[in-house]
Amino acid sequence: MLVRQERIAFLLLCFVSVSIIATTFILSGIDKSILASDYTPRSDEGSLVHLEGEIKEVHTTKTGGHILATINGTAVFIPATLAGKVVLHEGDYVSLYGLVQTYQGEREVVLNSHSDITILNRR
């Protein structure tokens, strides 16, 4: 049998757990366009941005199997965990959402999910 303090602690733990699950569910359903801003070279590190344009360059890294693309002069990084789910070609016109990151002194947009990129027009 639980004493009064243990019951209160248990109920608080249940409330916090349900709140976290509900918040995660609600936030996952929000359209990213509401939260994202258009990418500019001045976009803050870690901010969610939207980038749209033609792929000028795309290749797979020699190690790791990541995809690197250039869209409107902006580097886009697609991790290997997503690379198998995304097929891109030079000349494709895409719309994507990602987080701004600096890698080796260069700005890039990093995708978090294969659903973050939409091919609007194939070359």
PDB file of N, CA and C in Angstrom:
ATOM      1  N   MET A   1       0.840  -1.184   0.000  1.00  0.00           N
ATOM      2  CA  MET A   1       0.000   0.000   0.000  1.00  0.00           C
ATOM      3  C   MET A   1       0.880   1.242   0.000  1.00  0.00           C
ATOM      4  N   LEU A   2       0.507   2.198  -0.797  1.00  0.00           N
ATOM      5  CA  LEU A   2       1.268   3.435  -0.901  1.00  0.00           C
ATOM      6  C   LEU A   2       0.812   4.434   0.151  1.00  0.00           C
ATOM      7  N   VAL A   3       1.781   5.121   0.723  1.00  0.00           N
ATOM      8  CA  VAL A   3       1.436   6.181   1.670  1.00  0.00           C
ATOM      9  C   VAL A   3       1.033   7.420   0.878  1.00  0.00           C
ATOM     10  N   ARG A   4       0.513   8.396   1.585  1.00  0.00           N
ATOM     11  CA  ARG A   4      -0.045   9.582   0.927  1.00  0.00           C
ATOM     12  C   ARG A   4       0.969  10.273   0.009  1.00  0.00           C
ATOM     13  N   GLN A   5       2.199  10.490   0.471  1.00  0.00           N
ATOM     14  CA  GLN A   5       3.216  11.169  -0.335  1.00  0.00           C
ATOM     15  C   GLN A   5       3.553  10.365  -1.589  1.00  0.00           C
ATOM     16  N   GLU A   6       3.577   9.056  -1.482  1.00  0.00           N
ATOM     17  CA  GLU A   6       3.876   8.204  -2.638  1.00  0.00           C
ATOM     18  C   GLU A   6       2.750   8.279  -3.667  1.00  0.00           C
ATOM     19  N   ARG A   7       1.518   8.320  -3.199  1.00  0.00           N
ATOM     20  CA  ARG A   7       0.389   8.453  -4.124  1.00  0.00           C
ATOM     21  C   ARG A   7       0.440   9.784  -4.859  1.00  0.00           C
ATOM     22  N   ILE A   8       0.736  10.852  -4.138  1.00  0.00           N
ATOM     23  CA  ILE A   8       0.844  12.173  -4.767  1.00  0.00           C
ATOM     24  C   ILE A   8       1.977  12.176  -5.790  1.00  0.00           C
ATOM     25  N   ALA A   9       3.125  11.619  -5.425  1.00  0.00           N
ATOM     26  CA  ALA A   9       4.266  11.557  -6.349  1.00  0.00           C
ATOM     27  C   ALA A   9       3.907  10.733  -7.580  1.00  0.00           C
ATOM     28  N   PHE A  10       3.218   9.625  -7.386  1.00  0.00           N
ATOM     29  CA  PHE A  10       2.812   8.770  -8.501  1.00  0.00           C
ATOM     30  C   PHE A  10       1.853   9.510  -9.434  1.00  0.00           C
ATOM     31  N   LEU A  11       0.874  10.196  -8.867  1.00  0.00           N
ATOM     32  CA  LEU A  11      -0.076  10.958  -9.679  1.00  0.00           C
ATOM     33  C   LEU A  11       0.618  12.086 -10.448  1.00  0.00           C
ATOM     34  N   LEU A  12       1.549  12.769  -9.796  1.00  0.00           N
ATOM     35  CA  LEU A  12       2.300  13.823 -10.485  1.00  0.00           C
ATOM     36  C   LEU A  12       3.125  13.249 -11.634  1.00  0.00           C
ATOM     37  N   LEU A  13       3.749  12.116 -11.407  1.00  0.00           N
ATOM     38  CA  LEU A  13       4.537  11.462 -12.450  1.00  0.00           C
ATOM     39  C   LEU A  13       3.645  11.066 -13.628  1.00  0.00           C
ATOM     40  N   CYS A  14       2.476  10.528 -13.337  1.00  0.00           N
ATOM     41  CA  CYS A  14       1.528  10.169 -14.403  1.00  0.00           C
ATOM     42  C   CYS A  14       1.080  11.406 -15.168  1.00  0.00           C
ATOM     43  N   PHE A  15       0.778  12.481 -14.458  1.00  0.00           N
ATOM     44  CA  PHE A  15       0.351  13.722 -15.102  1.00  0.00           C
ATOM     45  C   PHE A  15       1.437  14.269 -16.022  1.00  0.00           C
ATOM     46  N   VAL A  16       2.672  14.297 -15.554  1.00  0.00           N
ATOM     47  CA  VAL A  16       3.784  14.796 -16.365  1.00  0.00           C
ATOM     48  C   VAL A  16       3.978  13.914 -17.592  1.00  0.00           C
ATOM     49  N   SER A  17       3.909  12.607 -17.429  1.00  0.00           N
ATOM     50  CA  SER A  17       4.083  11.686 -18.556  1.00  0.00           C
ATOM     51  C   SER A  17       3.002  11.893 -19.611  1.00  0.00           C
ATOM     52  N   VAL A  18       1.765  11.985 -19.189  1.00  0.00           N
ATOM     53  CA  VAL A  18       0.660  12.206 -20.124  1.00  0.00           C
ATOM     54  C   VAL A  18       0.809  13.564 -20.811  1.00  0.00           C
ATOM     55  N   SER A  19       1.233  14.573 -20.079  1.00  0.00           N
ATOM     56  CA  SER A  19       1.438  15.905 -20.663  1.00  0.00           C
ATOM     57  C   SER A  19       2.516  15.883 -21.733  1.00  0.00           C
ATOM     58  N   ILE A  20       3.614  15.202 -21.483  1.00  0.00           N
ATOM     59  CA  ILE A  20       4.705  15.115 -22.459  1.00  0.00           C
ATOM     60  C   ILE A  20       4.242  14.372 -23.709  1.00  0.00           C
ATOM     61  N   ILE A  21       3.548  13.274 -23.531  1.00  0.00           N
ATOM     62  CA  ILE A  21       3.057  12.501 -24.679  1.00  0.00           C
ATOM     63  C   ILE A  21       2.065  13.329 -25.494  1.00  0.00           C
ATOM     64  N   ALA A  22       1.151  14.014 -24.828  1.00  0.00           N
ATOM     65  CA  ALA A  22       0.162  14.833 -25.533  1.00  0.00           C
ATOM     66  C   ALA A  22       0.834  15.983 -26.277  1.00  0.00           C
ATOM     67  N   THR A  23       1.794  16.631 -25.649  1.00  0.00           N
ATOM     68  CA  THR A  23       2.502  17.736 -26.300  1.00  0.00           C
ATOM     69  C   THR A  23       3.262  17.250 -27.519  1.00  0.00           C
ATOM     70  N   THR A  24       3.927  16.117 -27.402  1.00  0.00           N
ATOM     71  CA  THR A  24       4.653  15.545 -28.535  1.00  0.00           C
ATOM     72  C   THR A  24       3.699  15.240 -29.679  1.00  0.00           C
ATOM     73  N   PHE A  25       2.571  14.653 -29.375  1.00  0.00           N
ATOM     74  CA  PHE A  25       1.575  14.323 -30.393  1.00  0.00           C
ATOM     75  C   PHE A  25       1.036  15.581 -31.068  1.00  0.00           C
ATOM     76  N   ILE A  26       0.725  16.583 -30.286  1.00  0.00           N
ATOM     77  CA  ILE A  26       0.175  17.828 -30.833  1.00  0.00           C
ATOM     78  C   ILE A  26       1.208  18.536 -31.704  1.00  0.00           C
ATOM     79  N   LEU A  27       2.439  18.650 -31.220  1.00  0.00           N
ATOM     80  CA  LEU A  27       3.476  19.353 -31.979  1.00  0.00           C
ATOM     81  C   LEU A  27       3.873  18.621 -33.251  1.00  0.00           C
ATOM     82  N   SER A  28       3.786  17.296 -33.243  1.00  0.00           N
ATOM     83  CA  SER A  28       4.142  16.554 -34.456  1.00  0.00           C
ATOM     84  C   SER A  28       3.110  16.774 -35.563  1.00  0.00           C
ATOM     85  N   GLY A  29       1.917  17.177 -35.194  1.00  0.00           N
ATOM     86  CA  GLY A  29       0.872  17.406 -36.183  1.00  0.00           C
ATOM     87  C   GLY A  29       0.828  18.827 -36.724  1.00  0.00           C
ATOM     88  N   ILE A  30       1.653  19.709 -36.162  1.00  0.00           N
ATOM     89  CA  ILE A  30       1.656  21.098 -36.618  1.00  0.00           C
ATOM     90  C   ILE A  30       2.427  21.205 -37.926  1.00  0.00           C
ATOM     91  N   ASP A  31       1.885  21.931 -38.862  1.00  0.00           N
ATOM     92  CA  ASP A  31       2.535  22.157 -40.145  1.00  0.00           C
ATOM     93  C   ASP A  31       3.812  22.960 -39.923  1.00  0.00           C
ATOM     94  N   LYS A  32       4.931  22.462 -40.454  1.00  0.00           N
ATOM     95  CA  LYS A  32       6.215  23.127 -40.244  1.00  0.00           C
ATOM     96  C   LYS A  32       6.255  24.521 -40.846  1.00  0.00           C
ATOM     97  N   SER A  33       5.414  24.779 -41.835  1.00  0.00           N
ATOM     98  CA  SER A  33       5.429  26.103 -42.454  1.00  0.00           C
ATOM     99  C   SER A  33       5.030  27.195 -41.461  1.00  0.00           C
ATOM    100  N   ILE A  34       4.289  26.835 -40.435  1.00  0.00           N
ATOM    101  CA  ILE A  34       3.892  27.797 -39.412  1.00  0.00           C
ATOM    102  C   ILE A  34       5.095  28.199 -38.565  1.00  0.00           C
ATOM    103  N   LEU A  35       5.981  27.238 -38.303  1.00  0.00           N
ATOM    104  CA  LEU A  35       7.105  27.469 -37.405  1.00  0.00           C
ATOM    105  C   LEU A  35       8.376  27.917 -38.116  1.00  0.00           C
ATOM    106  N   ALA A  36       8.497  27.625 -39.406  1.00  0.00           N
ATOM    107  CA  ALA A  36       9.746  27.884 -40.131  1.00  0.00           C
ATOM    108  C   ALA A  36       9.770  29.280 -40.739  1.00  0.00           C
ATOM    109  N   SER A  37      10.983  29.806 -40.855  1.00  0.00           N
ATOM    110  CA  SER A  37      11.182  31.063 -41.583  1.00  0.00           C
ATOM    111  C   SER A  37      11.974  30.745 -42.847  1.00  0.00           C
ATOM    112  N   ASP A  38      11.877  31.600 -43.843  1.00  0.00           N
ATOM    113  CA  ASP A  38      12.642  31.387 -45.069  1.00  0.00           C
ATOM    114  C   ASP A  38      14.130  31.497 -44.759  1.00  0.00           C
ATOM    115  N   TYR A  39      14.926  30.625 -45.371  1.00  0.00           N
ATOM    116  CA  TYR A  39      16.366  30.626 -45.118  1.00  0.00           C
ATOM    117  C   TYR A  39      17.016  31.875 -45.708  1.00  0.00           C
ATOM    118  N   THR A  40      17.882  32.477 -44.926  1.00  0.00           N
ATOM    119  CA  THR A  40      18.775  33.536 -45.393  1.00  0.00           C
ATOM    120  C   THR A  40      20.144  33.239 -44.788  1.00  0.00           C
ATOM    121  N   PRO A  41      21.204  33.798 -45.347  1.00  0.00           N
ATOM    122  CA  PRO A  41      22.527  33.591 -44.746  1.00  0.00           C
ATOM    123  C   PRO A  41      22.616  34.095 -43.306  1.00  0.00           C
ATOM    124  N   ARG A  42      21.658  34.907 -42.892  1.00  0.00           N
ATOM    125  CA  ARG A  42      21.633  35.427 -41.519  1.00  0.00           C
ATOM    126  C   ARG A  42      20.740  34.603 -40.589  1.00  0.00           C
ATOM    127  N   SER A  43      20.171  33.521 -41.069  1.00  0.00           N
ATOM    128  CA  SER A  43      19.314  32.680 -40.219  1.00  0.00           C
ATOM    129  C   SER A  43      20.116  32.188 -39.021  1.00  0.00           C
ATOM    130  N   ASP A  44      19.480  32.184 -37.863  1.00  0.00           N
ATOM    131  CA  ASP A  44      20.148  31.768 -36.629  1.00  0.00           C
ATOM    132  C   ASP A  44      20.475  30.287 -36.647  1.00  0.00           C
ATOM    133  N   GLU A  45      21.594  29.953 -36.063  1.00  0.00           N
ATOM    134  CA  GLU A  45      22.005  28.562 -35.897  1.00  0.00           C
ATOM    135  C   GLU A  45      20.926  27.829 -35.100  1.00  0.00           C
ATOM    136  N   GLY A  46      20.521  26.660 -35.577  1.00  0.00           N
ATOM    137  CA  GLY A  46      19.521  25.854 -34.892  1.00  0.00           C
ATOM    138  C   GLY A  46      18.085  26.207 -35.232  1.00  0.00           C
ATOM    139  N   SER A  47      17.872  27.252 -36.037  1.00  0.00           N
ATOM    140  CA  SER A  47      16.496  27.638 -36.361  1.00  0.00           C
ATOM    141  C   SER A  47      15.934  26.761 -37.482  1.00  0.00           C
ATOM    142  N   LEU A  48      14.625  26.570 -37.439  1.00  0.00           N
ATOM    143  CA  LEU A  48      13.923  25.809 -38.469  1.00  0.00           C
ATOM    144  C   LEU A  48      13.674  26.737 -39.646  1.00  0.00           C
ATOM    145  N   VAL A  49      14.133  26.317 -40.829  1.00  0.00           N
ATOM    146  CA  VAL A  49      14.013  27.171 -42.012  1.00  0.00           C
ATOM    147  C   VAL A  49      13.375  26.417 -43.167  1.00  0.00           C
ATOM    148  N   HIS A  50      12.861  27.197 -44.102  1.00  0.00           N
ATOM    149  CA  HIS A  50      12.304  26.675 -45.345  1.00  0.00           C
ATOM    150  C   HIS A  50      13.216  27.110 -46.478  1.00  0.00           C
ATOM    151  N   LEU A  51      13.506  26.203 -47.384  1.00  0.00           N
ATOM    152  CA  LEU A  51      14.351  26.495 -48.540  1.00  0.00           C
ATOM    153  C   LEU A  51      13.694  25.879 -49.762  1.00  0.00           C
ATOM    154  N   GLU A  52      13.599  26.655 -50.814  1.00  0.00           N
ATOM    155  CA  GLU A  52      12.986  26.163 -52.043  1.00  0.00           C
ATOM    156  C   GLU A  52      13.847  26.590 -53.219  1.00  0.00           C
ATOM    157  N   GLY A  53      14.059  25.672 -54.163  1.00  0.00           N
ATOM    158  CA  GLY A  53      14.827  26.031 -55.339  1.00  0.00           C
ATOM    159  C   GLY A  53      15.285  24.813 -56.114  1.00  0.00           C
ATOM    160  N   GLU A  54      16.116  25.085 -57.114  1.00  0.00           N
ATOM    161  CA  GLU A  54      16.629  24.033 -57.992  1.00  0.00           C
ATOM    162  C   GLU A  54      17.917  23.449 -57.424  1.00  0.00           C
ATOM    163  N   ILE A  55      18.025  22.132 -57.501  1.00  0.00           N
ATOM    164  CA  ILE A  55      19.246  21.460 -57.059  1.00  0.00           C
ATOM    165  C   ILE A  55      20.305  21.666 -58.136  1.00  0.00           C
ATOM    166  N   LYS A  56      21.378  22.342 -57.765  1.00  0.00           N
ATOM    167  CA  LYS A  56      22.467  22.607 -58.711  1.00  0.00           C
ATOM    168  C   LYS A  56      23.520  21.512 -58.659  1.00  0.00           C
ATOM    169  N   GLU A  57      23.646  20.886 -57.496  1.00  0.00           N
ATOM    170  CA  GLU A  57      24.664  19.848 -57.316  1.00  0.00           C
ATOM    171  C   GLU A  57      24.159  18.863 -56.269  1.00  0.00           C
ATOM    172  N   VAL A  58      24.398  17.580 -56.498  1.00  0.00           N
ATOM    173  CA  VAL A  58      24.030  16.560 -55.520  1.00  0.00           C
ATOM    174  C   VAL A  58      25.007  15.398 -55.634  1.00  0.00           C
ATOM    175  N   HIS A  59      25.501  14.948 -54.478  1.00  0.00           N
ATOM    176  CA  HIS A  59      26.376  13.778 -54.471  1.00  0.00           C
ATOM    177  C   HIS A  59      26.337  13.116 -53.098  1.00  0.00           C
ATOM    178  N   THR A  60      26.766  11.869 -53.076  1.00  0.00           N
ATOM    179  CA  THR A  60      26.836  11.096 -51.841  1.00  0.00           C
ATOM    180  C   THR A  60      28.256  11.178 -51.305  1.00  0.00           C
ATOM    181  N   THR A  61      28.395  11.295 -49.994  1.00  0.00           N
ATOM    182  CA  THR A  61      29.729  11.370 -49.404  1.00  0.00           C
ATOM    183  C   THR A  61      30.459  10.046 -49.586  1.00  0.00           C
ATOM    184  N   LYS A  62      31.790  10.124 -49.618  1.00  0.00           N
ATOM    185  CA  LYS A  62      32.601   8.920 -49.812  1.00  0.00           C
ATOM    186  C   LYS A  62      32.531   8.001 -48.602  1.00  0.00           C
ATOM    187  N   THR A  63      32.385   8.590 -47.431  1.00  0.00           N
ATOM    188  CA  THR A  63      32.229   7.792 -46.218  1.00  0.00           C
ATOM    189  C   THR A  63      30.940   8.208 -45.531  1.00  0.00           C
ATOM    190  N   GLY A  64      30.206   7.261 -45.077  1.00  0.00           N
ATOM    191  CA  GLY A  64      28.993   7.563 -44.325  1.00  0.00           C
ATOM    192  C   GLY A  64      27.704   7.470 -45.101  1.00  0.00           C
ATOM    193  N   GLY A  65      27.746   7.642 -46.425  1.00  0.00           N
ATOM    194  CA  GLY A  65      26.539   7.529 -47.231  1.00  0.00           C
ATOM    195  C   GLY A  65      25.572   8.683 -47.102  1.00  0.00           C
ATOM    196  N   HIS A  66      26.063   9.838 -46.646  1.00  0.00           N
ATOM    197  CA  HIS A  66      25.217  11.022 -46.540  1.00  0.00           C
ATOM    198  C   HIS A  66      25.052  11.660 -47.919  1.00  0.00           C
ATOM    199  N   ILE A  67      24.015  12.469 -48.083  1.00  0.00           N
ATOM    200  CA  ILE A  67      23.817  13.208 -49.328  1.00  0.00           C
ATOM    201  C   ILE A  67      24.112  14.682 -49.066  1.00  0.00           C
ATOM    202  N   LEU A  68      24.891  15.269 -49.957  1.00  0.00           N
ATOM    203  CA  LEU A  68      25.156  16.703 -49.928  1.00  0.00           C
ATOM    204  C   LEU A  68      24.579  17.302 -51.200  1.00  0.00           C
ATOM    205  N   ALA A  69      23.805  18.350 -51.053  1.00  0.00           N
ATOM    206  CA  ALA A  69      23.201  19.008 -52.212  1.00  0.00           C
ATOM    207  C   ALA A  69      23.406  20.511 -52.087  1.00  0.00           C
ATOM    208  N   THR A  70      23.346  21.179 -53.222  1.00  0.00           N
ATOM    209  CA  THR A  70      23.409  22.637 -53.236  1.00  0.00           C
ATOM    210  C   THR A  70      22.136  23.152 -53.892  1.00  0.00           C
ATOM    211  N   ILE A  71      21.407  23.974 -53.136  1.00  0.00           N
ATOM    212  CA  ILE A  71      20.149  24.540 -53.610  1.00  0.00           C
ATOM    213  C   ILE A  71      20.227  26.051 -53.424  1.00  0.00           C
ATOM    214  N   ASN A  72      20.110  26.783 -54.509  1.00  0.00           N
ATOM    215  CA  ASN A  72      20.208  28.252 -54.454  1.00  0.00           C
ATOM    216  C   ASN A  72      21.486  28.709 -53.758  1.00  0.00           C
ATOM    217  N   GLY A  73      22.566  27.981 -53.949  1.00  0.00           N
ATOM    218  CA  GLY A  73      23.838  28.339 -53.337  1.00  0.00           C
ATOM    219  C   GLY A  73      23.969  27.935 -51.884  1.00  0.00           C
ATOM    220  N   THR A  74      22.970  27.254 -51.347  1.00  0.00           N
ATOM    221  CA  THR A  74      22.974  26.828 -49.952  1.00  0.00           C
ATOM    222  C   THR A  74      23.244  25.335 -49.869  1.00  0.00           C
ATOM    223  N   ALA A  75      24.172  24.954 -48.993  1.00  0.00           N
ATOM    224  CA  ALA A  75      24.473  23.541 -48.789  1.00  0.00           C
ATOM    225  C   ALA A  75      23.346  22.891 -47.992  1.00  0.00           C
ATOM    226  N   VAL A  76      22.952  21.704 -48.427  1.00  0.00           N
ATOM    227  CA  VAL A  76      21.918  20.927 -47.735  1.00  0.00           C
ATOM    228  C   VAL A  76      22.513  19.570 -47.410  1.00  0.00           C
ATOM    229  N   PHE A  77      22.391  19.156 -46.145  1.00  0.00           N
ATOM    230  CA  PHE A  77      22.932  17.884 -45.675  1.00  0.00           C
ATOM    231  C   PHE A  77      21.781  16.946 -45.351  1.00  0.00           C
ATOM    232  N   ILE A  78      21.822  15.756 -45.959  1.00  0.00           N
ATOM    233  CA  ILE A  78      20.816  14.727 -45.683  1.00  0.00           C
ATOM    234  C   ILE A  78      21.555  13.540 -45.081  1.00  0.00           C
ATOM    235  N   PRO A  79      21.342  13.248 -43.786  1.00  0.00           N
ATOM    236  CA  PRO A  79      22.062  12.160 -43.126  1.00  0.00           C
ATOM    237  C   PRO A  79      21.794  10.807 -43.785  1.00  0.00           C
ATOM    238  N   ALA A  80      22.735   9.902 -43.615  1.00  0.00           N
ATOM    239  CA  ALA A  80      22.641   8.569 -44.217  1.00  0.00           C
ATOM    240  C   ALA A  80      21.358   7.851 -43.812  1.00  0.00           C
ATOM    241  N   THR A  81      20.868   8.106 -42.613  1.00  0.00           N
ATOM    242  CA  THR A  81      19.637   7.448 -42.159  1.00  0.00           C
ATOM    243  C   THR A  81      18.437   7.832 -43.013  1.00  0.00           C
ATOM    244  N   LEU A  82      18.522   8.974 -43.700  1.00  0.00           N
ATOM    245  CA  LEU A  82      17.437   9.423 -44.575  1.00  0.00           C
ATOM    246  C   LEU A  82      17.773   9.261 -46.045  1.00  0.00           C
ATOM    247  N   ALA A  83      19.060   9.145 -46.352  1.00  0.00           N
ATOM    248  CA  ALA A  83      19.521   9.157 -47.748  1.00  0.00           C
ATOM    249  C   ALA A  83      18.875   8.063 -48.590  1.00  0.00           C
ATOM    250  N   GLY A  84      18.630   6.900 -48.013  1.00  0.00           N
ATOM    251  CA  GLY A  84      18.013   5.809 -48.758  1.00  0.00           C
ATOM    252  C   GLY A  84      16.549   6.055 -49.086  1.00  0.00           C
ATOM    253  N   LYS A  85      15.941   7.022 -48.411  1.00  0.00           N
ATOM    254  CA  LYS A  85      14.521   7.314 -48.613  1.00  0.00           C
ATOM    255  C   LYS A  85      14.296   8.514 -49.527  1.00  0.00           C
ATOM    256  N   VAL A  86      15.401   9.143 -49.961  1.00  0.00           N
ATOM    257  CA  VAL A  86      15.304  10.357 -50.765  1.00  0.00           C
ATOM    258  C   VAL A  86      16.104  10.173 -52.051  1.00  0.00           C
ATOM    259  N   VAL A  87      15.462  10.380 -53.191  1.00  0.00           N
ATOM    260  CA  VAL A  87      16.148  10.293 -54.486  1.00  0.00           C
ATOM    261  C   VAL A  87      16.123  11.681 -55.118  1.00  0.00           C
ATOM    262  N   LEU A  88      17.312  12.269 -55.257  1.00  0.00           N
ATOM    263  CA  LEU A  88      17.432  13.614 -55.804  1.00  0.00           C
ATOM    264  C   LEU A  88      18.327  13.609 -57.029  1.00  0.00           C
ATOM    265  N   HIS A  89      18.027  14.518 -57.958  1.00  0.00           N
ATOM    266  CA  HIS A  89      18.837  14.674 -59.163  1.00  0.00           C
ATOM    267  C   HIS A  89      19.097  16.157 -59.386  1.00  0.00           C
ATOM    268  N   GLU A  90      20.232  16.457 -59.994  1.00  0.00           N
ATOM    269  CA  GLU A  90      20.502  17.835 -60.373  1.00  0.00           C
ATOM    270  C   GLU A  90      19.397  18.299 -61.312  1.00  0.00           C
ATOM    271  N   GLY A  91      18.922  19.499 -61.081  1.00  0.00           N
ATOM    272  CA  GLY A  91      17.839  20.046 -61.888  1.00  0.00           C
ATOM    273  C   GLY A  91      16.465  19.887 -61.260  1.00  0.00           C
ATOM    274  N   ASP A  92      16.324  18.989 -60.268  1.00  0.00           N
ATOM    275  CA  ASP A  92      15.048  18.867 -59.561  1.00  0.00           C
ATOM    276  C   ASP A  92      14.756  20.174 -58.827  1.00  0.00           C
ATOM    277  N   TYR A  93      13.491  20.546 -58.774  1.00  0.00           N
ATOM    278  CA  TYR A  93      13.058  21.721 -58.026  1.00  0.00           C
ATOM    279  C   TYR A  93      12.393  21.210 -56.758  1.00  0.00           C
ATOM    280  N   VAL A  94      12.918  21.620 -55.586  1.00  0.00           N
ATOM    281  CA  VAL A  94      12.455  21.058 -54.321  1.00  0.00           C
ATOM    282  C   VAL A  94      12.061  22.146 -53.328  1.00  0.00           C
ATOM    283  N   SER A  95      11.286  21.722 -52.356  1.00  0.00           N
ATOM    284  CA  SER A  95      10.946  22.534 -51.198  1.00  0.00           C
ATOM    285  C   SER A  95      11.317  21.698 -49.980  1.00  0.00           C
ATOM    286  N   LEU A  96      12.027  22.307 -49.017  1.00  0.00           N
ATOM    287  CA  LEU A  96      12.450  21.519 -47.855  1.00  0.00           C
ATOM    288  C   LEU A  96      12.459  22.349 -46.585  1.00  0.00           C
ATOM    289  N   TYR A  97      12.416  21.634 -45.471  1.00  0.00           N
ATOM    290  CA  TYR A  97      12.516  22.223 -44.140  1.00  0.00           C
ATOM    291  C   TYR A  97      13.687  21.567 -43.437  1.00  0.00           C
ATOM    292  N   GLY A  98      14.461  22.359 -42.718  1.00  0.00           N
ATOM    293  CA  GLY A  98      15.595  21.808 -41.993  1.00  0.00           C
ATOM    294  C   GLY A  98      16.109  22.792 -40.958  1.00  0.00           C
ATOM    295  N   LEU A  99      17.106  22.335 -40.215  1.00  0.00           N
ATOM    296  CA  LEU A  99      17.721  23.160 -39.184  1.00  0.00           C
ATOM    297  C   LEU A  99      19.030  23.739 -39.700  1.00  0.00           C
ATOM    298  N   VAL A 100      19.282  24.995 -39.387  1.00  0.00           N
ATOM    299  CA  VAL A 100      20.519  25.653 -39.797  1.00  0.00           C
ATOM    300  C   VAL A 100      21.649  25.179 -38.889  1.00  0.00           C
ATOM    301  N   GLN A 101      22.765  24.851 -39.516  1.00  0.00           N
ATOM    302  CA  GLN A 101      23.922  24.344 -38.783  1.00  0.00           C
ATOM    303  C   GLN A 101      25.183  24.874 -39.467  1.00  0.00           C
ATOM    304  N   THR A 102      26.253  25.010 -38.707  1.00  0.00           N
ATOM    305  CA  THR A 102      27.545  25.377 -39.276  1.00  0.00           C
ATOM    306  C   THR A 102      28.455  24.165 -39.174  1.00  0.00           C
ATOM    307  N   TYR A 103      29.015  23.754 -40.312  1.00  0.00           N
ATOM    308  CA  TYR A 103      29.929  22.613 -40.359  1.00  0.00           C
ATOM    309  C   TYR A 103      31.215  23.062 -41.030  1.00  0.00           C
ATOM    310  N   GLN A 104      32.299  22.944 -40.321  1.00  0.00           N
ATOM    311  CA  GLN A 104      33.616  23.366 -40.801  1.00  0.00           C
ATOM    312  C   GLN A 104      33.573  24.795 -41.336  1.00  0.00           C
ATOM    313  N   GLY A 105      32.891  25.659 -40.601  1.00  0.00           N
ATOM    314  CA  GLY A 105      32.828  27.075 -40.935  1.00  0.00           C
ATOM    315  C   GLY A 105      31.830  27.448 -42.016  1.00  0.00           C
ATOM    316  N   GLU A 106      31.129  26.482 -42.569  1.00  0.00           N
ATOM    317  CA  GLU A 106      30.162  26.736 -43.644  1.00  0.00           C
ATOM    318  C   GLU A 106      28.744  26.480 -43.146  1.00  0.00           C
ATOM    319  N   ARG A 107      27.819  27.333 -43.550  1.00  0.00           N
ATOM    320  CA  ARG A 107      26.407  27.171 -43.181  1.00  0.00           C
ATOM    321  C   ARG A 107      25.767  26.095 -44.044  1.00  0.00           C
ATOM    322  N   GLU A 108      24.881  25.325 -43.433  1.00  0.00           N
ATOM    323  CA  GLU A 108      24.133  24.314 -44.171  1.00  0.00           C
ATOM    324  C   GLU A 108      22.779  24.116 -43.515  1.00  0.00           C
ATOM    325  N   VAL A 109      21.874  23.530 -44.276  1.00  0.00           N
ATOM    326  CA  VAL A 109      20.550  23.178 -43.772  1.00  0.00           C
ATOM    327  C   VAL A 109      20.520  21.662 -43.652  1.00  0.00           C
ATOM    328  N   VAL A 110      20.158  21.164 -42.472  1.00  0.00           N
ATOM    329  CA  VAL A 110      20.166  19.729 -42.196  1.00  0.00           C
ATOM    330  C   VAL A 110      18.737  19.219 -42.089  1.00  0.00           C
ATOM    331  N   LEU A 111      18.420  18.200 -42.887  1.00  0.00           N
ATOM    332  CA  LEU A 111      17.095  17.585 -42.828  1.00  0.00           C
ATOM    333  C   LEU A 111      17.016  16.626 -41.647  1.00  0.00           C
ATOM    334  N   ASN A 112      15.832  16.513 -41.043  1.00  0.00           N
ATOM    335  CA  ASN A 112      15.615  15.601 -39.920  1.00  0.00           C
ATOM    336  C   ASN A 112      14.723  14.428 -40.273  1.00  0.00           C
ATOM    337  N   SER A 113      13.990  14.538 -41.378  1.00  0.00           N
ATOM    338  CA  SER A 113      13.051  13.492 -41.764  1.00  0.00           C
ATOM    339  C   SER A 113      12.919  13.490 -43.283  1.00  0.00           C
ATOM    340  N   HIS A 114      12.667  12.311 -43.850  1.00  0.00           N
ATOM    341  CA  HIS A 114      12.480  12.258 -45.306  1.00  0.00           C
ATOM    342  C   HIS A 114      11.236  13.044 -45.735  1.00  0.00           C
ATOM    343  N   SER A 115      10.310  13.246 -44.816  1.00  0.00           N
ATOM    344  CA  SER A 115       9.111  14.017 -45.149  1.00  0.00           C
ATOM    345  C   SER A 115       9.381  15.523 -45.164  1.00  0.00           C
ATOM    346  N   ASP A 116      10.593  15.932 -44.781  1.00  0.00           N
ATOM    347  CA  ASP A 116      10.939  17.351 -44.783  1.00  0.00           C
ATOM    348  C   ASP A 116      11.278  17.874 -46.171  1.00  0.00           C
ATOM    349  N   ILE A 117      11.372  16.994 -47.162  1.00  0.00           N
ATOM    350  CA  ILE A 117      11.688  17.443 -48.515  1.00  0.00           C
ATOM    351  C   ILE A 117      10.593  16.992 -49.474  1.00  0.00           C
ATOM    352  N   THR A 118      10.184  17.900 -50.336  1.00  0.00           N
ATOM    353  CA  THR A 118       9.173  17.613 -51.348  1.00  0.00           C
ATOM    354  C   THR A 118       9.739  17.988 -52.707  1.00  0.00           C
ATOM    355  N   ILE A 119       9.680  17.061 -53.638  1.00  0.00           N
ATOM    356  CA  ILE A 119      10.133  17.345 -54.994  1.00  0.00           C
ATOM    357  C   ILE A 119       8.957  17.952 -55.743  1.00  0.00           C
ATOM    358  N   LEU A 120       9.101  19.205 -56.116  1.00  0.00           N
ATOM    359  CA  LEU A 120       8.025  19.929 -56.783  1.00  0.00           C
ATOM    360  C   LEU A 120       8.021  19.689 -58.285  1.00  0.00           C
ATOM    361  N   ASN A 121       9.221  19.478 -58.844  1.00  0.00           N
ATOM    362  CA  ASN A 121       9.324  19.279 -60.284  1.00  0.00           C
ATOM    363  C   ASN A 121      10.606  18.510 -60.582  1.00  0.00           C
ATOM    364  N   ARG A 122      10.464  17.368 -61.238  1.00  0.00           N
ATOM    365  CA  ARG A 122      11.641  16.589 -61.655  1.00  0.00           C
ATOM    366  C   ARG A 122      12.218  17.201 -62.911  1.00  0.00           C
ATOM    367  N   ARG A 123      13.517  17.102 -63.048  1.00  0.00           N
ATOM    368  CA  ARG A 123      14.166  17.647 -64.259  1.00  0.00           C
ATOM    369  C   ARG A 123      13.812  16.832 -65.460  1.00  0.00           C
TER     370      ARG A 123
END
